Amino acid sequence: MEACSRGITWVRQALTDWGLLDRGQDALLIAAELLSNAAKHAGGIRRLTLTHHDGLLQITVTDPSPDPPRLRAHRPESVGGHGIFLVDRLAQHWGTRPHGRGKTVWATLSLPP
């Protein structure tokens, strides 16, 4: 989970450098969930990217597994298993695309003015 912590720290620093940290708190949660899912369920984190333009922020995490994450029925009372549900709720759009033998999971969110 060290890679997850480093990734979250990197996202926080990038948002700070761009002057977006106060508007990008959901981005930290989305990044944490995507990183955690890659580490726990997909064989590790291969790459993390963060881009912003025109009021949109995109977070991408690449991992070695070709299996896409699945949005399951949400059970608020369960311990764990909320990751993709949270991404689905917080992101404007999210999805996956193949990347070599693995995949990239991406999420785009609007930054409030």
PDB file of N, CA and C in Angstrom:
ATOM      1  N   MET A   1       0.806  -1.203   0.000  1.00  0.00           N
ATOM      2  CA  MET A   1       0.000   0.000   0.000  1.00  0.00           C
ATOM      3  C   MET A   1       0.849   1.267   0.000  1.00  0.00           C
ATOM      4  N   GLU A   2       2.152   1.092   0.091  1.00  0.00           N
ATOM      5  CA  GLU A   2       3.062   2.234   0.017  1.00  0.00           C
ATOM      6  C   GLU A   2       2.887   2.995  -1.295  1.00  0.00           C
ATOM      7  N   ALA A   3       2.703   2.255  -2.391  1.00  0.00           N
ATOM      8  CA  ALA A   3       2.509   2.902  -3.698  1.00  0.00           C
ATOM      9  C   ALA A   3       1.241   3.747  -3.699  1.00  0.00           C
ATOM     10  N   CYS A   4       0.204   3.281  -3.025  1.00  0.00           N
ATOM     11  CA  CYS A   4      -1.042   4.063  -2.930  1.00  0.00           C
ATOM     12  C   CYS A   4      -0.784   5.370  -2.190  1.00  0.00           C
ATOM     13  N   SER A   5      -0.096   5.287  -1.077  1.00  0.00           N
ATOM     14  CA  SER A   5       0.198   6.492  -0.293  1.00  0.00           C
ATOM     15  C   SER A   5       1.024   7.483  -1.095  1.00  0.00           C
ATOM     16  N   ARG A   6       2.030   6.982  -1.805  1.00  0.00           N
ATOM     17  CA  ARG A   6       2.850   7.869  -2.635  1.00  0.00           C
ATOM     18  C   ARG A   6       2.015   8.501  -3.744  1.00  0.00           C
ATOM     19  N   GLY A   7       1.108   7.725  -4.335  1.00  0.00           N
ATOM     20  CA  GLY A   7       0.250   8.245  -5.388  1.00  0.00           C
ATOM     21  C   GLY A   7      -0.676   9.337  -4.892  1.00  0.00           C
ATOM     22  N   ILE A   8      -1.270   9.130  -3.733  1.00  0.00           N
ATOM     23  CA  ILE A   8      -2.168  10.133  -3.160  1.00  0.00           C
ATOM     24  C   ILE A   8      -1.390  11.405  -2.828  1.00  0.00           C
ATOM     25  N   THR A   9      -0.198  11.238  -2.284  1.00  0.00           N
ATOM     26  CA  THR A   9       0.651  12.391  -1.991  1.00  0.00           C
ATOM     27  C   THR A   9       0.984  13.151  -3.268  1.00  0.00           C
ATOM     28  N   TRP A  10       1.280  12.424  -4.334  1.00  0.00           N
ATOM     29  CA  TRP A  10       1.607  13.052  -5.615  1.00  0.00           C
ATOM     30  C   TRP A  10       0.409  13.825  -6.164  1.00  0.00           C
ATOM     31  N   VAL A  11      -0.787  13.233  -6.097  1.00  0.00           N
ATOM     32  CA  VAL A  11      -2.002  13.920  -6.570  1.00  0.00           C
ATOM     33  C   VAL A  11      -2.239  15.180  -5.745  1.00  0.00           C
ATOM     34  N   ARG A  12      -2.103  15.071  -4.431  1.00  0.00           N
ATOM     35  CA  ARG A  12      -2.295  16.245  -3.567  1.00  0.00           C
ATOM     36  C   ARG A  12      -1.309  17.354  -3.953  1.00  0.00           C
ATOM     37  N   GLN A  13      -0.053  16.995  -4.190  1.00  0.00           N
ATOM     38  CA  GLN A  13       0.951  17.993  -4.551  1.00  0.00           C
ATOM     39  C   GLN A  13       0.649  18.619  -5.910  1.00  0.00           C
ATOM     40  N   ALA A  14       0.239  17.800  -6.874  1.00  0.00           N
ATOM     41  CA  ALA A  14      -0.099  18.340  -8.202  1.00  0.00           C
ATOM     42  C   ALA A  14      -1.268  19.313  -8.100  1.00  0.00           C
ATOM     43  N   LEU A  15      -2.289  18.952  -7.353  1.00  0.00           N
ATOM     44  CA  LEU A  15      -3.434  19.850  -7.179  1.00  0.00           C
ATOM     45  C   LEU A  15      -3.011  21.146  -6.494  1.00  0.00           C
ATOM     46  N   THR A  16      -2.121  21.037  -5.515  1.00  0.00           N
ATOM     47  CA  THR A  16      -1.603  22.218  -4.825  1.00  0.00           C
ATOM     48  C   THR A  16      -0.821  23.093  -5.800  1.00  0.00           C
ATOM     49  N   ASP A  17       0.060  22.469  -6.571  1.00  0.00           N
ATOM     50  CA  ASP A  17       0.867  23.217  -7.542  1.00  0.00           C
ATOM     51  C   ASP A  17      -0.002  23.939  -8.570  1.00  0.00           C
ATOM     52  N   TRP A  18      -1.109  23.331  -8.948  1.00  0.00           N
ATOM     53  CA  TRP A  18      -2.016  23.921  -9.929  1.00  0.00           C
ATOM     54  C   TRP A  18      -3.017  24.888  -9.305  1.00  0.00           C
ATOM     55  N   GLY A  19      -2.972  25.043  -7.976  1.00  0.00           N
ATOM     56  CA  GLY A  19      -3.926  25.916  -7.293  1.00  0.00           C
ATOM     57  C   GLY A  19      -5.333  25.346  -7.256  1.00  0.00           C
ATOM     58  N   LEU A  20      -5.439  24.027  -7.293  1.00  0.00           N
ATOM     59  CA  LEU A  20      -6.752  23.377  -7.375  1.00  0.00           C
ATOM     60  C   LEU A  20      -7.108  22.549  -6.138  1.00  0.00           C
ATOM     61  N   LEU A  21      -6.244  22.505  -5.139  1.00  0.00           N
ATOM     62  CA  LEU A  21      -6.492  21.613  -4.007  1.00  0.00           C
ATOM     63  C   LEU A  21      -7.814  21.908  -3.319  1.00  0.00           C
ATOM     64  N   ASP A  22      -8.148  23.193  -3.138  1.00  0.00           N
ATOM     65  CA  ASP A  22      -9.401  23.519  -2.457  1.00  0.00           C
ATOM     66  C   ASP A  22     -10.623  23.094  -3.259  1.00  0.00           C
ATOM     67  N   ARG A  23     -10.474  22.922  -4.579  1.00  0.00           N
ATOM     68  CA  ARG A  23     -11.593  22.495  -5.428  1.00  0.00           C
ATOM     69  C   ARG A  23     -11.499  21.025  -5.806  1.00  0.00           C
ATOM     70  N   GLY A  24     -10.431  20.358  -5.416  1.00  0.00           N
ATOM     71  CA  GLY A  24     -10.192  18.999  -5.888  1.00  0.00           C
ATOM     72  C   GLY A  24     -10.227  17.915  -4.832  1.00  0.00           C
ATOM     73  N   GLN A  25     -10.963  18.133  -3.753  1.00  0.00           N
ATOM     74  CA  GLN A  25     -10.995  17.131  -2.690  1.00  0.00           C
ATOM     75  C   GLN A  25     -11.587  15.799  -3.168  1.00  0.00           C
ATOM     76  N   ASP A  26     -12.596  15.841  -4.027  1.00  0.00           N
ATOM     77  CA  ASP A  26     -13.145  14.590  -4.564  1.00  0.00           C
ATOM     78  C   ASP A  26     -12.105  13.854  -5.395  1.00  0.00           C
ATOM     79  N   ALA A  27     -11.219  14.607  -6.037  1.00  0.00           N
ATOM     80  CA  ALA A  27     -10.162  13.986  -6.837  1.00  0.00           C
ATOM     81  C   ALA A  27      -9.249  13.137  -5.965  1.00  0.00           C
ATOM     82  N   LEU A  28      -8.969  13.584  -4.753  1.00  0.00           N
ATOM     83  CA  LEU A  28      -8.134  12.793  -3.847  1.00  0.00           C
ATOM     84  C   LEU A  28      -8.810  11.474  -3.503  1.00  0.00           C
ATOM     85  N   LEU A  29     -10.106  11.510  -3.252  1.00  0.00           N
ATOM     86  CA  LEU A  29     -10.836  10.290  -2.928  1.00  0.00           C
ATOM     87  C   LEU A  29     -10.895   9.357  -4.133  1.00  0.00           C
ATOM     88  N   ILE A  30     -11.161   9.887  -5.305  1.00  0.00           N
ATOM     89  CA  ILE A  30     -11.198   9.061  -6.516  1.00  0.00           C
ATOM     90  C   ILE A  30      -9.832   8.436  -6.770  1.00  0.00           C
ATOM     91  N   ALA A  31      -8.778   9.236  -6.675  1.00  0.00           N
ATOM     92  CA  ALA A  31      -7.427   8.703  -6.879  1.00  0.00           C
ATOM     93  C   ALA A  31      -7.131   7.598  -5.876  1.00  0.00           C
ATOM     94  N   ALA A  32      -7.486   7.810  -4.619  1.00  0.00           N
ATOM     95  CA  ALA A  32      -7.248   6.797  -3.586  1.00  0.00           C
ATOM     96  C   ALA A  32      -7.968   5.496  -3.920  1.00  0.00           C
ATOM     97  N   GLU A  33      -9.204   5.600  -4.381  1.00  0.00           N
ATOM     98  CA  GLU A  33      -9.966   4.391  -4.708  1.00  0.00           C
ATOM     99  C   GLU A  33      -9.392   3.668  -5.924  1.00  0.00           C
ATOM    100  N   LEU A  34      -9.037   4.419  -6.970  1.00  0.00           N
ATOM    101  CA  LEU A  34      -8.472   3.774  -8.159  1.00  0.00           C
ATOM    102  C   LEU A  34      -7.125   3.129  -7.842  1.00  0.00           C
ATOM    103  N   LEU A  35      -6.304   3.815  -7.064  1.00  0.00           N
ATOM    104  CA  LEU A  35      -5.005   3.255  -6.683  1.00  0.00           C
ATOM    105  C   LEU A  35      -5.178   2.016  -5.808  1.00  0.00           C
ATOM    106  N   SER A  36      -6.066   2.105  -4.860  1.00  0.00           N
ATOM    107  CA  SER A  36      -6.317   0.973  -3.960  1.00  0.00           C
ATOM    108  C   SER A  36      -6.843  -0.241  -4.724  1.00  0.00           C
ATOM    109  N   ASN A  37      -7.764  -0.015  -5.656  1.00  0.00           N
ATOM    110  CA  ASN A  37      -8.288  -1.129  -6.448  1.00  0.00           C
ATOM    111  C   ASN A  37      -7.191  -1.790  -7.273  1.00  0.00           C
ATOM    112  N   ALA A  38      -6.320  -0.969  -7.878  1.00  0.00           N
ATOM    113  CA  ALA A  38      -5.225  -1.536  -8.667  1.00  0.00           C
ATOM    114  C   ALA A  38      -4.292  -2.354  -7.785  1.00  0.00           C
ATOM    115  N   ALA A  39      -3.987  -1.840  -6.602  1.00  0.00           N
ATOM    116  CA  ALA A  39      -3.070  -2.541  -5.698  1.00  0.00           C
ATOM    117  C   ALA A  39      -3.683  -3.826  -5.139  1.00  0.00           C
ATOM    118  N   LYS A  40      -4.951  -3.779  -4.754  1.00  0.00           N
ATOM    119  CA  LYS A  40      -5.601  -4.912  -4.107  1.00  0.00           C
ATOM    120  C   LYS A  40      -6.111  -5.977  -5.074  1.00  0.00           C
ATOM    121  N   HIS A  41      -6.621  -5.552  -6.220  1.00  0.00           N
ATOM    122  CA  HIS A  41      -7.353  -6.477  -7.086  1.00  0.00           C
ATOM    123  C   HIS A  41      -6.765  -6.691  -8.470  1.00  0.00           C
ATOM    124  N   ALA A  42      -5.767  -5.896  -8.857  1.00  0.00           N
ATOM    125  CA  ALA A  42      -5.337  -5.947 -10.257  1.00  0.00           C
ATOM    126  C   ALA A  42      -3.825  -6.127 -10.440  1.00  0.00           C
ATOM    127  N   GLY A  43      -3.140  -6.557  -9.408  1.00  0.00           N
ATOM    128  CA  GLY A  43      -1.719  -6.877  -9.566  1.00  0.00           C
ATOM    129  C   GLY A  43      -0.763  -5.722  -9.395  1.00  0.00           C
ATOM    130  N   GLY A  44      -1.249  -4.564  -8.961  1.00  0.00           N
ATOM    131  CA  GLY A  44      -0.355  -3.448  -8.694  1.00  0.00           C
ATOM    132  C   GLY A  44      -0.604  -2.255  -9.603  1.00  0.00           C
ATOM    133  N   ILE A  45       0.055  -1.185  -9.275  1.00  0.00           N
ATOM    134  CA  ILE A  45      -0.086   0.078  -9.996  1.00  0.00           C
ATOM    135  C   ILE A  45       1.072   0.196 -10.974  1.00  0.00           C
ATOM    136  N   ARG A  46       0.772   0.391 -12.230  1.00  0.00           N
ATOM    137  CA  ARG A  46       1.814   0.588 -13.236  1.00  0.00           C
ATOM    138  C   ARG A  46       2.051   2.062 -13.544  1.00  0.00           C
ATOM    139  N   ARG A  47       0.956   2.847 -13.515  1.00  0.00           N
ATOM    140  CA  ARG A  47       1.094   4.252 -13.878  1.00  0.00           C
ATOM    141  C   ARG A  47      -0.087   5.044 -13.322  1.00  0.00           C
ATOM    142  N   LEU A  48       0.200   6.265 -12.916  1.00  0.00           N
ATOM    143  CA  LEU A  48      -0.815   7.205 -12.448  1.00  0.00           C
ATOM    144  C   LEU A  48      -0.599   8.501 -13.207  1.00  0.00           C
ATOM    145  N   THR A  49      -1.672   9.034 -13.799  1.00  0.00           N
ATOM    146  CA  THR A  49      -1.570  10.337 -14.453  1.00  0.00           C
ATOM    147  C   THR A  49      -2.724  11.213 -13.999  1.00  0.00           C
ATOM    148  N   LEU A  50      -2.476  12.507 -14.089  1.00  0.00           N
ATOM    149  CA  LEU A  50      -3.455  13.501 -13.694  1.00  0.00           C
ATOM    150  C   LEU A  50      -3.329  14.641 -14.695  1.00  0.00           C
ATOM    151  N   THR A  51      -4.452  14.995 -15.327  1.00  0.00           N
ATOM    152  CA  THR A  51      -4.445  16.110 -16.271  1.00  0.00           C
ATOM    153  C   THR A  51      -5.642  17.005 -15.987  1.00  0.00           C
ATOM    154  N   HIS A  52      -5.496  18.276 -16.340  1.00  0.00           N
ATOM    155  CA  HIS A  52      -6.635  19.188 -16.193  1.00  0.00           C
ATOM    156  C   HIS A  52      -6.642  20.190 -17.331  1.00  0.00           C
ATOM    157  N   HIS A  53      -7.842  20.505 -17.786  1.00  0.00           N
ATOM    158  CA  HIS A  53      -8.064  21.537 -18.791  1.00  0.00           C
ATOM    159  C   HIS A  53      -9.554  21.826 -18.883  1.00  0.00           C
ATOM    160  N   ASP A  54      -9.882  23.059 -19.188  1.00  0.00           N
ATOM    161  CA  ASP A  54     -11.268  23.491 -19.385  1.00  0.00           C
ATOM    162  C   ASP A  54     -12.199  23.108 -18.237  1.00  0.00           C
ATOM    163  N   GLY A  55     -11.716  23.212 -17.004  1.00  0.00           N
ATOM    164  CA  GLY A  55     -12.556  22.926 -15.847  1.00  0.00           C
ATOM    165  C   GLY A  55     -12.761  21.454 -15.555  1.00  0.00           C
ATOM    166  N   LEU A  56     -12.044  20.578 -16.262  1.00  0.00           N
ATOM    167  CA  LEU A  56     -12.148  19.143 -16.033  1.00  0.00           C
ATOM    168  C   LEU A  56     -10.810  18.593 -15.547  1.00  0.00           C
ATOM    169  N   LEU A  57     -10.878  17.618 -14.677  1.00  0.00           N
ATOM    170  CA  LEU A  57      -9.702  16.935 -14.164  1.00  0.00           C
ATOM    171  C   LEU A  57      -9.847  15.455 -14.487  1.00  0.00           C
ATOM    172  N   GLN A  58      -8.811  14.866 -15.043  1.00  0.00           N
ATOM    173  CA  GLN A  58      -8.863  13.436 -15.334  1.00  0.00           C
ATOM    174  C   GLN A  58      -7.753  12.720 -14.577  1.00  0.00           C
ATOM    175  N   ILE A  59      -8.143  11.630 -13.937  1.00  0.00           N
ATOM    176  CA  ILE A  59      -7.231  10.764 -13.197  1.00  0.00           C
ATOM    177  C   ILE A  59      -7.214   9.431 -13.916  1.00  0.00           C
ATOM    178  N   THR A  60      -6.024   8.888 -14.188  1.00  0.00           N
ATOM    179  CA  THR A  60      -5.931   7.570 -14.795  1.00  0.00           C
ATOM    180  C   THR A  60      -4.959   6.718 -13.993  1.00  0.00           C
ATOM    181  N   VAL A  61      -5.310   5.454 -13.836  1.00  0.00           N
ATOM    182  CA  VAL A  61      -4.450   4.477 -13.169  1.00  0.00           C
ATOM    183  C   VAL A  61      -4.373   3.257 -14.069  1.00  0.00           C
ATOM    184  N   THR A  62      -3.157   2.868 -14.395  1.00  0.00           N
ATOM    185  CA  THR A  62      -2.921   1.703 -15.243  1.00  0.00           C
ATOM    186  C   THR A  62      -2.407   0.566 -14.375  1.00  0.00           C
ATOM    187  N   ASP A  63      -2.917  -0.648 -14.646  1.00  0.00           N
ATOM    188  CA  ASP A  63      -2.494  -1.833 -13.902  1.00  0.00           C
ATOM    189  C   ASP A  63      -2.310  -3.005 -14.872  1.00  0.00           C
ATOM    190  N   PRO A  64      -1.732  -4.118 -14.419  1.00  0.00           N
ATOM    191  CA  PRO A  64      -1.443  -5.230 -15.325  1.00  0.00           C
ATOM    192  C   PRO A  64      -2.603  -6.185 -15.589  1.00  0.00           C
ATOM    193  N   SER A  65      -3.745  -5.988 -14.981  1.00  0.00           N
ATOM    194  CA  SER A  65      -4.874  -6.907 -15.160  1.00  0.00           C
ATOM    195  C   SER A  65      -5.802  -6.432 -16.277  1.00  0.00           C
ATOM    196  N   PRO A  66      -6.207  -7.333 -17.168  1.00  0.00           N
ATOM    197  CA  PRO A  66      -7.160  -6.946 -18.210  1.00  0.00           C
ATOM    198  C   PRO A  66      -8.603  -6.878 -17.702  1.00  0.00           C
ATOM    199  N   ASP A  67      -8.860  -7.377 -16.507  1.00  0.00           N
ATOM    200  CA  ASP A  67     -10.227  -7.448 -15.985  1.00  0.00           C
ATOM    201  C   ASP A  67     -10.706  -6.070 -15.527  1.00  0.00           C
ATOM    202  N   PRO A  68     -11.804  -5.589 -16.100  1.00  0.00           N
ATOM    203  CA  PRO A  68     -12.298  -4.261 -15.704  1.00  0.00           C
ATOM    204  C   PRO A  68     -12.947  -4.305 -14.329  1.00  0.00           C
ATOM    205  N   PRO A  69     -12.929  -3.182 -13.622  1.00  0.00           N
ATOM    206  CA  PRO A  69     -13.654  -3.129 -12.350  1.00  0.00           C
ATOM    207  C   PRO A  69     -15.148  -3.220 -12.629  1.00  0.00           C
ATOM    208  N   ARG A  70     -15.870  -3.748 -11.666  1.00  0.00           N
ATOM    209  CA  ARG A  70     -17.313  -3.891 -11.842  1.00  0.00           C
ATOM    210  C   ARG A  70     -18.055  -3.073 -10.803  1.00  0.00           C
ATOM    211  N   LEU A  71     -19.024  -2.341 -11.285  1.00  0.00           N
ATOM    212  CA  LEU A  71     -19.907  -1.598 -10.394  1.00  0.00           C
ATOM    213  C   LEU A  71     -20.968  -2.573  -9.905  1.00  0.00           C
ATOM    214  N   ARG A  72     -20.937  -2.848  -8.639  1.00  0.00           N
ATOM    215  CA  ARG A  72     -21.880  -3.814  -8.052  1.00  0.00           C
ATOM    216  C   ARG A  72     -22.964  -3.074  -7.282  1.00  0.00           C
ATOM    217  N   ALA A  73     -23.990  -3.829  -6.926  1.00  0.00           N
ATOM    218  CA  ALA A  73     -25.042  -3.245  -6.091  1.00  0.00           C
ATOM    219  C   ALA A  73     -24.401  -2.744  -4.800  1.00  0.00           C
ATOM    220  N   HIS A  74     -24.723  -1.528  -4.434  1.00  0.00           N
ATOM    221  CA  HIS A  74     -24.110  -0.927  -3.256  1.00  0.00           C
ATOM    222  C   HIS A  74     -24.860  -1.303  -2.000  1.00  0.00           C
ATOM    223  N   ARG A  75     -24.102  -1.711  -1.001  1.00  0.00           N
ATOM    224  CA  ARG A  75     -24.663  -2.003   0.317  1.00  0.00           C
ATOM    225  C   ARG A  75     -23.988  -1.081   1.323  1.00  0.00           C
ATOM    226  N   PRO A  76     -24.647  -0.007   1.711  1.00  0.00           N
ATOM    227  CA  PRO A  76     -24.017   0.975   2.597  1.00  0.00           C
ATOM    228  C   PRO A  76     -23.528   0.390   3.916  1.00  0.00           C
ATOM    229  N   GLU A  77     -24.160  -0.670   4.387  1.00  0.00           N
ATOM    230  CA  GLU A  77     -23.791  -1.244   5.681  1.00  0.00           C
ATOM    231  C   GLU A  77     -22.562  -2.157   5.617  1.00  0.00           C
ATOM    232  N   SER A  78     -22.095  -2.493   4.421  1.00  0.00           N
ATOM    233  CA  SER A  78     -20.954  -3.396   4.311  1.00  0.00           C
ATOM    234  C   SER A  78     -19.644  -2.676   4.611  1.00  0.00           C
ATOM    235  N   VAL A  79     -18.696  -3.445   5.104  1.00  0.00           N
ATOM    236  CA  VAL A  79     -17.359  -2.923   5.354  1.00  0.00           C
ATOM    237  C   VAL A  79     -16.549  -3.158   4.090  1.00  0.00           C
ATOM    238  N   GLY A  80     -16.108  -2.090   3.459  1.00  0.00           N
ATOM    239  CA  GLY A  80     -15.363  -2.206   2.207  1.00  0.00           C
ATOM    240  C   GLY A  80     -16.300  -2.403   1.029  1.00  0.00           C
ATOM    241  N   GLY A  81     -15.701  -2.464  -0.153  1.00  0.00           N
ATOM    242  CA  GLY A  81     -16.466  -2.691  -1.365  1.00  0.00           C
ATOM    243  C   GLY A  81     -17.183  -1.465  -1.900  1.00  0.00           C
ATOM    244  N   HIS A  82     -16.770  -0.286  -1.477  1.00  0.00           N
ATOM    245  CA  HIS A  82     -17.445   0.939  -1.903  1.00  0.00           C
ATOM    246  C   HIS A  82     -16.691   1.700  -2.993  1.00  0.00           C
ATOM    247  N   GLY A  83     -15.520   1.220  -3.367  1.00  0.00           N
ATOM    248  CA  GLY A  83     -14.628   1.967  -4.236  1.00  0.00           C
ATOM    249  C   GLY A  83     -15.225   2.432  -5.537  1.00  0.00           C
ATOM    250  N   ILE A  84     -15.639   1.516  -6.386  1.00  0.00           N
ATOM    251  CA  ILE A  84     -16.162   1.902  -7.695  1.00  0.00           C
ATOM    252  C   ILE A  84     -17.508   2.617  -7.558  1.00  0.00           C
ATOM    253  N   PHE A  85     -18.281   2.276  -6.543  1.00  0.00           N
ATOM    254  CA  PHE A  85     -19.521   3.010  -6.274  1.00  0.00           C
ATOM    255  C   PHE A  85     -19.204   4.486  -6.017  1.00  0.00           C
ATOM    256  N   LEU A  86     -18.177   4.748  -5.194  1.00  0.00           N
ATOM    257  CA  LEU A  86     -17.798   6.135  -4.905  1.00  0.00           C
ATOM    258  C   LEU A  86     -17.290   6.839  -6.162  1.00  0.00           C
ATOM    259  N   VAL A  87     -16.466   6.146  -6.934  1.00  0.00           N
ATOM    260  CA  VAL A  87     -15.973   6.726  -8.181  1.00  0.00           C
ATOM    261  C   VAL A  87     -17.154   7.065  -9.088  1.00  0.00           C
ATOM    262  N   ASP A  88     -18.100   6.150  -9.190  1.00  0.00           N
ATOM    263  CA  ASP A  88     -19.274   6.362 -10.039  1.00  0.00           C
ATOM    264  C   ASP A  88     -20.085   7.567  -9.571  1.00  0.00           C
ATOM    265  N   ARG A  89     -20.189   7.765  -8.272  1.00  0.00           N
ATOM    266  CA  ARG A  89     -20.966   8.874  -7.719  1.00  0.00           C
ATOM    267  C   ARG A  89     -20.251  10.213  -7.842  1.00  0.00           C
ATOM    268  N   LEU A  90     -18.933  10.211  -7.684  1.00  0.00           N
ATOM    269  CA  LEU A  90     -18.187  11.466  -7.646  1.00  0.00           C
ATOM    270  C   LEU A  90     -17.705  11.940  -9.013  1.00  0.00           C
ATOM    271  N   ALA A  91     -17.422  11.010  -9.902  1.00  0.00           N
ATOM    272  CA  ALA A  91     -16.887  11.377 -11.214  1.00  0.00           C
ATOM    273  C   ALA A  91     -18.007  11.763 -12.171  1.00  0.00           C
ATOM    274  N   GLN A  92     -17.693  12.673 -13.067  1.00  0.00           N
ATOM    275  CA  GLN A  92     -18.645  13.010 -14.120  1.00  0.00           C
ATOM    276  C   GLN A  92     -18.795  11.825 -15.061  1.00  0.00           C
ATOM    277  N   HIS A  93     -17.658  11.205 -15.394  1.00  0.00           N
ATOM    278  CA  HIS A  93     -17.602   9.993 -16.219  1.00  0.00           C
ATOM    279  C   HIS A  93     -16.434   9.152 -15.728  1.00  0.00           C
ATOM    280  N   TRP A  94     -16.515   7.839 -15.941  1.00  0.00           N
ATOM    281  CA  TRP A  94     -15.385   6.971 -15.679  1.00  0.00           C
ATOM    282  C   TRP A  94     -15.486   5.763 -16.599  1.00  0.00           C
ATOM    283  N   GLY A  95     -14.389   5.067 -16.765  1.00  0.00           N
ATOM    284  CA  GLY A  95     -14.398   3.880 -17.607  1.00  0.00           C
ATOM    285  C   GLY A  95     -13.034   3.228 -17.639  1.00  0.00           C
ATOM    286  N   THR A  96     -12.901   2.284 -18.564  1.00  0.00           N
ATOM    287  CA  THR A  96     -11.628   1.577 -18.728  1.00  0.00           C
ATOM    288  C   THR A  96     -11.292   1.501 -20.209  1.00  0.00           C
ATOM    289  N   ARG A  97     -10.014   1.311 -20.470  1.00  0.00           N
ATOM    290  CA  ARG A  97      -9.568   1.047 -21.834  1.00  0.00           C
ATOM    291  C   ARG A  97      -8.382   0.085 -21.741  1.00  0.00           C
ATOM    292  N   PRO A  98      -8.224  -0.779 -22.740  1.00  0.00           N
ATOM    293  CA  PRO A  98      -7.092  -1.706 -22.725  1.00  0.00           C
ATOM    294  C   PRO A  98      -5.773  -0.948 -22.758  1.00  0.00           C
ATOM    295  N   HIS A  99      -4.790  -1.513 -22.109  1.00  0.00           N
ATOM    296  CA  HIS A  99      -3.437  -0.945 -22.132  1.00  0.00           C
ATOM    297  C   HIS A  99      -2.466  -2.124 -22.125  1.00  0.00           C
ATOM    298  N   GLY A 100      -1.949  -2.452 -23.292  1.00  0.00           N
ATOM    299  CA  GLY A 100      -1.098  -3.639 -23.387  1.00  0.00           C
ATOM    300  C   GLY A 100      -1.886  -4.856 -22.949  1.00  0.00           C
ATOM    301  N   ARG A 101      -1.316  -5.619 -22.039  1.00  0.00           N
ATOM    302  CA  ARG A 101      -2.029  -6.792 -21.487  1.00  0.00           C
ATOM    303  C   ARG A 101      -2.900  -6.429 -20.296  1.00  0.00           C
ATOM    304  N   GLY A 102      -2.819  -5.171 -19.864  1.00  0.00           N
ATOM    305  CA  GLY A 102      -3.595  -4.714 -18.719  1.00  0.00           C
ATOM    306  C   GLY A 102      -4.668  -3.731 -19.146  1.00  0.00           C
ATOM    307  N   LYS A 103      -4.912  -2.755 -18.278  1.00  0.00           N
ATOM    308  CA  LYS A 103      -5.944  -1.755 -18.562  1.00  0.00           C
ATOM    309  C   LYS A 103      -5.605  -0.450 -17.870  1.00  0.00           C
ATOM    310  N   THR A 104      -6.264   0.582 -18.328  1.00  0.00           N
ATOM    311  CA  THR A 104      -6.236   1.873 -17.660  1.00  0.00           C
ATOM    312  C   THR A 104      -7.659   2.197 -17.237  1.00  0.00           C
ATOM    313  N   VAL A 105      -7.811   2.546 -15.978  1.00  0.00           N
ATOM    314  CA  VAL A 105      -9.104   2.990 -15.455  1.00  0.00           C
ATOM    315  C   VAL A 105      -8.996   4.507 -15.302  1.00  0.00           C
ATOM    316  N   TRP A 106     -10.004   5.206 -15.839  1.00  0.00           N
ATOM    317  CA  TRP A 106      -9.959   6.657 -15.823  1.00  0.00           C
ATOM    318  C   TRP A 106     -11.237   7.217 -15.209  1.00  0.00           C
ATOM    319  N   ALA A 107     -11.106   8.393 -14.645  1.00  0.00           N
ATOM    320  CA  ALA A 107     -12.263   9.104 -14.101  1.00  0.00           C
ATOM    321  C   ALA A 107     -12.069  10.595 -14.393  1.00  0.00           C
ATOM    322  N   THR A 108     -13.130  11.225 -14.848  1.00  0.00           N
ATOM    323  CA  THR A 108     -13.118  12.652 -15.132  1.00  0.00           C
ATOM    324  C   THR A 108     -14.102  13.327 -14.196  1.00  0.00           C
ATOM    325  N   LEU A 109     -13.688  14.440 -13.609  1.00  0.00           N
ATOM    326  CA  LEU A 109     -14.615  15.182 -12.773  1.00  0.00           C
ATOM    327  C   LEU A 109     -14.511  16.667 -13.081  1.00  0.00           C
ATOM    328  N   SER A 110     -15.609  17.347 -12.869  1.00  0.00           N
ATOM    329  CA  SER A 110     -15.659  18.794 -13.049  1.00  0.00           C
ATOM    330  C   SER A 110     -15.089  19.456 -11.807  1.00  0.00           C
ATOM    331  N   LEU A 111     -14.310  20.500 -12.045  1.00  0.00           N
ATOM    332  CA  LEU A 111     -13.804  21.286 -10.929  1.00  0.00           C
ATOM    333  C   LEU A 111     -14.727  22.476 -10.718  1.00  0.00           C
ATOM    334  N   PRO A 112     -15.264  22.624  -9.513  1.00  0.00           N
ATOM    335  CA  PRO A 112     -16.123  23.781  -9.290  1.00  0.00           C
ATOM    336  C   PRO A 112     -15.334  25.072  -9.474  1.00  0.00           C
ATOM    337  N   PRO A 113     -16.001  26.142  -9.907  1.00  0.00           N
ATOM    338  CA  PRO A 113     -15.291  27.416 -10.106  1.00  0.00           C
ATOM    339  C   PRO A 113     -14.775  28.002  -8.805  1.00  0.00           C
TER     340      PRO A 113
END
